[in-house]
Amino acid sequence: EFLLCMLAATHMLNVAVPIATYSVVQLRRQRPDFEWNEGLCKVFVSTFYTLTLATCFSVTSLSYHRMWMVCWPVNYRLSNAKKQAV
């Protein structure tokens, strides 16, 4: 459940953060002194890439967890699932 919640959270952030950044840029663009600079572009791209990597990590962790549950069910039940998820 923890891994599924993390996956859902990273997906939501992966959609919400770029949209919020784009909205801020569009609102600031209406001001005459606005300038699209390299720093703002780097923040936008690095945030998007970080969230995408977090999504990939969540999917990989979830896949490994499910594989372990199917391939080794006895070991899965004997282990501490909460410790493994963390």
N, C-alpha and C. Protein backbone atom coordinates (compact mmCIF):
# COMPACT_ATOMS: atom_id res chain seq x y z
N GLU A 1 0.83 -1.20 0.00
CA GLU A 1 0.00 0.00 0.00
C GLU A 1 0.87 1.26 0.00
N PHE A 2 1.96 1.19 0.75
CA PHE A 2 2.85 2.35 0.81
C PHE A 2 3.42 2.68 -0.56
N LEU A 3 3.85 1.65 -1.29
CA LEU A 3 4.43 1.87 -2.62
C LEU A 3 3.40 2.41 -3.60
N LEU A 4 2.17 1.92 -3.51
CA LEU A 4 1.12 2.43 -4.39
C LEU A 4 0.80 3.89 -4.08
N CYS A 5 0.78 4.24 -2.81
CA CYS A 5 0.54 5.64 -2.42
C CYS A 5 1.67 6.55 -2.91
N MET A 6 2.91 6.08 -2.79
CA MET A 6 4.04 6.86 -3.29
C MET A 6 3.98 7.03 -4.80
N LEU A 7 3.58 5.98 -5.50
CA LEU A 7 3.45 6.07 -6.95
C LEU A 7 2.37 7.08 -7.34
N ALA A 8 1.26 7.03 -6.66
CA ALA A 8 0.18 7.98 -6.94
C ALA A 8 0.63 9.41 -6.63
N ALA A 9 1.34 9.60 -5.54
CA ALA A 9 1.80 10.94 -5.17
C ALA A 9 2.79 11.49 -6.19
N THR A 10 3.72 10.66 -6.64
CA THR A 10 4.68 11.16 -7.63
C THR A 10 4.02 11.45 -8.96
N HIS A 11 3.02 10.66 -9.33
CA HIS A 11 2.29 10.97 -10.56
C HIS A 11 1.55 12.30 -10.45
N MET A 12 0.91 12.52 -9.31
CA MET A 12 0.19 13.79 -9.13
C MET A 12 1.15 14.97 -9.14
N LEU A 13 2.28 14.85 -8.46
CA LEU A 13 3.26 15.93 -8.47
C LEU A 13 3.87 16.13 -9.85
N ASN A 14 4.04 15.04 -10.58
CA ASN A 14 4.61 15.13 -11.92
C ASN A 14 3.69 15.89 -12.86
N VAL A 15 2.42 15.90 -12.57
CA VAL A 15 1.47 16.68 -13.37
C VAL A 15 1.30 18.08 -12.80
N ALA A 16 1.20 18.19 -11.49
CA ALA A 16 0.87 19.47 -10.86
C ALA A 16 2.00 20.49 -10.92
N VAL A 17 3.23 20.07 -10.69
CA VAL A 17 4.34 21.02 -10.62
C VAL A 17 4.60 21.71 -11.96
N PRO A 18 4.71 20.98 -13.08
CA PRO A 18 4.90 21.69 -14.34
C PRO A 18 3.74 22.61 -14.72
N ILE A 19 2.52 22.18 -14.41
CA ILE A 19 1.36 23.05 -14.71
C ILE A 19 1.42 24.30 -13.86
N ALA A 20 1.75 24.17 -12.59
CA ALA A 20 1.86 25.34 -11.71
C ALA A 20 2.97 26.27 -12.18
N THR A 21 4.11 25.71 -12.55
CA THR A 21 5.21 26.54 -13.04
C THR A 21 4.83 27.25 -14.32
N TYR A 22 4.18 26.55 -15.22
CA TYR A 22 3.73 27.18 -16.47
C TYR A 22 2.73 28.30 -16.20
N SER A 23 1.84 28.09 -15.25
CA SER A 23 0.86 29.13 -14.89
C SER A 23 1.55 30.37 -14.35
N VAL A 24 2.54 30.17 -13.49
CA VAL A 24 3.28 31.31 -12.94
C VAL A 24 4.00 32.07 -14.05
N VAL A 25 4.61 31.32 -14.97
CA VAL A 25 5.31 31.97 -16.08
C VAL A 25 4.33 32.77 -16.93
N GLN A 26 3.16 32.22 -17.20
CA GLN A 26 2.18 32.93 -18.02
C GLN A 26 1.65 34.18 -17.32
N LEU A 27 1.47 34.10 -16.00
CA LEU A 27 1.00 35.27 -15.26
C LEU A 27 2.08 36.35 -15.21
N ARG A 28 3.31 35.94 -15.01
CA ARG A 28 4.41 36.92 -14.96
C ARG A 28 4.71 37.50 -16.34
N ARG A 29 4.38 36.77 -17.39
CA ARG A 29 4.65 37.24 -18.74
C ARG A 29 3.83 38.49 -19.09
N GLN A 30 2.72 38.67 -18.41
CA GLN A 30 1.87 39.83 -18.66
C GLN A 30 2.52 41.12 -18.17
N ARG A 31 3.46 41.02 -17.26
CA ARG A 31 4.18 42.20 -16.78
C ARG A 31 5.22 42.62 -17.81
N PRO A 32 5.42 43.92 -17.99
CA PRO A 32 6.37 44.37 -19.01
C PRO A 32 7.83 44.08 -18.68
N ASP A 33 8.16 43.91 -17.40
CA ASP A 33 9.56 43.68 -17.04
C ASP A 33 9.92 42.20 -16.92
N PHE A 34 9.05 41.31 -17.40
CA PHE A 34 9.31 39.88 -17.30
C PHE A 34 10.34 39.45 -18.33
N GLU A 35 11.23 38.57 -17.88
CA GLU A 35 12.24 38.02 -18.77
C GLU A 35 12.38 36.54 -18.48
N TRP A 36 12.25 35.71 -19.50
CA TRP A 36 12.45 34.27 -19.33
C TRP A 36 13.94 34.04 -19.29
N ASN A 37 14.44 33.61 -18.14
CA ASN A 37 15.88 33.45 -18.02
C ASN A 37 16.26 31.98 -17.90
N GLU A 38 17.54 31.72 -17.96
CA GLU A 38 18.04 30.36 -17.94
C GLU A 38 17.80 29.68 -16.59
N GLY A 39 17.87 30.44 -15.50
CA GLY A 39 17.65 29.88 -14.17
C GLY A 39 16.25 29.32 -14.01
N LEU A 40 15.25 30.04 -14.50
CA LEU A 40 13.87 29.58 -14.42
C LEU A 40 13.67 28.32 -15.25
N CYS A 41 14.30 28.28 -16.39
CA CYS A 41 14.22 27.09 -17.24
C CYS A 41 14.87 25.89 -16.56
N LYS A 42 16.01 26.10 -15.91
CA LYS A 42 16.69 25.01 -15.21
C LYS A 42 15.85 24.47 -14.06
N VAL A 43 15.20 25.35 -13.33
CA VAL A 43 14.33 24.92 -12.23
C VAL A 43 13.18 24.07 -12.77
N PHE A 44 12.57 24.52 -13.83
CA PHE A 44 11.44 23.80 -14.43
C PHE A 44 11.87 22.41 -14.89
N VAL A 45 12.97 22.33 -15.63
CA VAL A 45 13.42 21.06 -16.19
C VAL A 45 13.92 20.12 -15.09
N SER A 46 14.69 20.64 -14.14
CA SER A 46 15.22 19.77 -13.09
C SER A 46 14.10 19.23 -12.19
N THR A 47 13.10 20.03 -11.92
CA THR A 47 11.96 19.56 -11.12
C THR A 47 11.21 18.46 -11.85
N PHE A 48 10.98 18.66 -13.14
CA PHE A 48 10.27 17.65 -13.93
C PHE A 48 11.07 16.36 -14.00
N TYR A 49 12.37 16.44 -14.24
CA TYR A 49 13.20 15.24 -14.31
C TYR A 49 13.28 14.52 -12.96
N THR A 50 13.37 15.27 -11.88
CA THR A 50 13.42 14.65 -10.55
C THR A 50 12.15 13.89 -10.25
N LEU A 51 11.01 14.49 -10.56
CA LEU A 51 9.73 13.81 -10.32
C LEU A 51 9.56 12.60 -11.23
N THR A 52 10.06 12.69 -12.45
CA THR A 52 9.99 11.54 -13.35
C THR A 52 10.86 10.40 -12.85
N LEU A 53 12.05 10.72 -12.35
CA LEU A 53 12.91 9.67 -11.77
C LEU A 53 12.28 9.06 -10.53
N ALA A 54 11.61 9.87 -9.73
CA ALA A 54 10.92 9.34 -8.54
C ALA A 54 9.80 8.39 -8.96
N THR A 55 9.10 8.72 -10.03
CA THR A 55 8.06 7.83 -10.55
C THR A 55 8.66 6.52 -11.02
N CYS A 56 9.76 6.59 -11.75
CA CYS A 56 10.44 5.37 -12.22
C CYS A 56 10.90 4.52 -11.05
N PHE A 57 11.45 5.15 -10.01
CA PHE A 57 11.88 4.41 -8.83
C PHE A 57 10.70 3.74 -8.14
N SER A 58 9.57 4.43 -8.05
CA SER A 58 8.39 3.84 -7.41
C SER A 58 7.89 2.63 -8.19
N VAL A 59 7.86 2.74 -9.52
CA VAL A 59 7.41 1.61 -10.34
C VAL A 59 8.37 0.43 -10.20
N THR A 60 9.67 0.71 -10.18
CA THR A 60 10.65 -0.35 -10.03
C THR A 60 10.52 -1.03 -8.67
N SER A 61 10.36 -0.24 -7.62
CA SER A 61 10.19 -0.81 -6.28
C SER A 61 8.92 -1.64 -6.18
N LEU A 62 7.86 -1.15 -6.77
CA LEU A 62 6.60 -1.88 -6.74
C LEU A 62 6.72 -3.19 -7.52
N SER A 63 7.40 -3.16 -8.64
CA SER A 63 7.59 -4.38 -9.44
C SER A 63 8.43 -5.40 -8.68
N TYR A 64 9.49 -4.95 -8.06
CA TYR A 64 10.33 -5.86 -7.28
C TYR A 64 9.54 -6.46 -6.11
N HIS A 65 8.77 -5.64 -5.46
CA HIS A 65 7.96 -6.10 -4.33
C HIS A 65 6.97 -7.17 -4.78
N ARG A 66 6.31 -6.94 -5.90
CA ARG A 66 5.34 -7.92 -6.40
C ARG A 66 6.02 -9.21 -6.87
N MET A 67 7.20 -9.07 -7.49
CA MET A 67 7.93 -10.25 -7.93
C MET A 67 8.33 -11.10 -6.73
N TRP A 68 8.80 -10.45 -5.68
CA TRP A 68 9.19 -11.16 -4.48
C TRP A 68 7.98 -11.87 -3.86
N MET A 69 6.83 -11.21 -3.89
CA MET A 69 5.62 -11.78 -3.32
C MET A 69 5.18 -13.03 -4.10
N VAL A 70 5.35 -13.02 -5.42
CA VAL A 70 4.92 -14.16 -6.23
C VAL A 70 5.95 -15.28 -6.24
N CYS A 71 7.22 -14.93 -6.36
CA CYS A 71 8.27 -15.97 -6.48
C CYS A 71 8.60 -16.64 -5.16
N TRP A 72 8.61 -15.90 -4.09
CA TRP A 72 8.99 -16.44 -2.78
C TRP A 72 7.92 -16.08 -1.74
N PRO A 73 6.74 -16.70 -1.83
CA PRO A 73 5.64 -16.31 -0.92
C PRO A 73 5.92 -16.61 0.55
N VAL A 74 6.67 -17.68 0.83
CA VAL A 74 6.96 -18.02 2.23
C VAL A 74 7.86 -16.95 2.84
N ASN A 75 8.92 -16.59 2.14
CA ASN A 75 9.82 -15.55 2.64
C ASN A 75 9.11 -14.21 2.74
N TYR A 76 8.19 -13.96 1.82
CA TYR A 76 7.46 -12.70 1.85
C TYR A 76 6.63 -12.57 3.11
N ARG A 77 5.96 -13.66 3.49
CA ARG A 77 5.09 -13.61 4.67
C ARG A 77 5.89 -13.55 5.97
N LEU A 78 7.09 -14.11 5.95
CA LEU A 78 7.91 -14.13 7.16
C LEU A 78 8.65 -12.81 7.39
N SER A 79 8.82 -12.04 6.34
CA SER A 79 9.58 -10.80 6.47
C SER A 79 8.71 -9.68 7.01
N ASN A 80 9.37 -8.64 7.43
CA ASN A 80 8.67 -7.47 7.93
C ASN A 80 8.34 -6.57 6.73
N ALA A 81 7.09 -6.55 6.30
CA ALA A 81 6.69 -5.83 5.10
C ALA A 81 6.88 -4.32 5.26
N LYS A 82 6.64 -3.81 6.45
CA LYS A 82 6.79 -2.37 6.67
C LYS A 82 8.26 -1.95 6.54
N LYS A 83 9.14 -2.74 7.10
CA LYS A 83 10.58 -2.45 7.01
C LYS A 83 11.04 -2.53 5.56
N GLN A 84 10.54 -3.52 4.81
CA GLN A 84 10.93 -3.68 3.43
C GLN A 84 10.45 -2.49 2.58
N ALA A 85 9.25 -2.01 2.82
CA ALA A 85 8.72 -0.89 2.05
C ALA A 85 9.52 0.37 2.30
N VAL A 86 9.91 0.60 3.55
CA VAL A 86 10.69 1.79 3.87
C VAL A 86 12.07 1.66 3.24
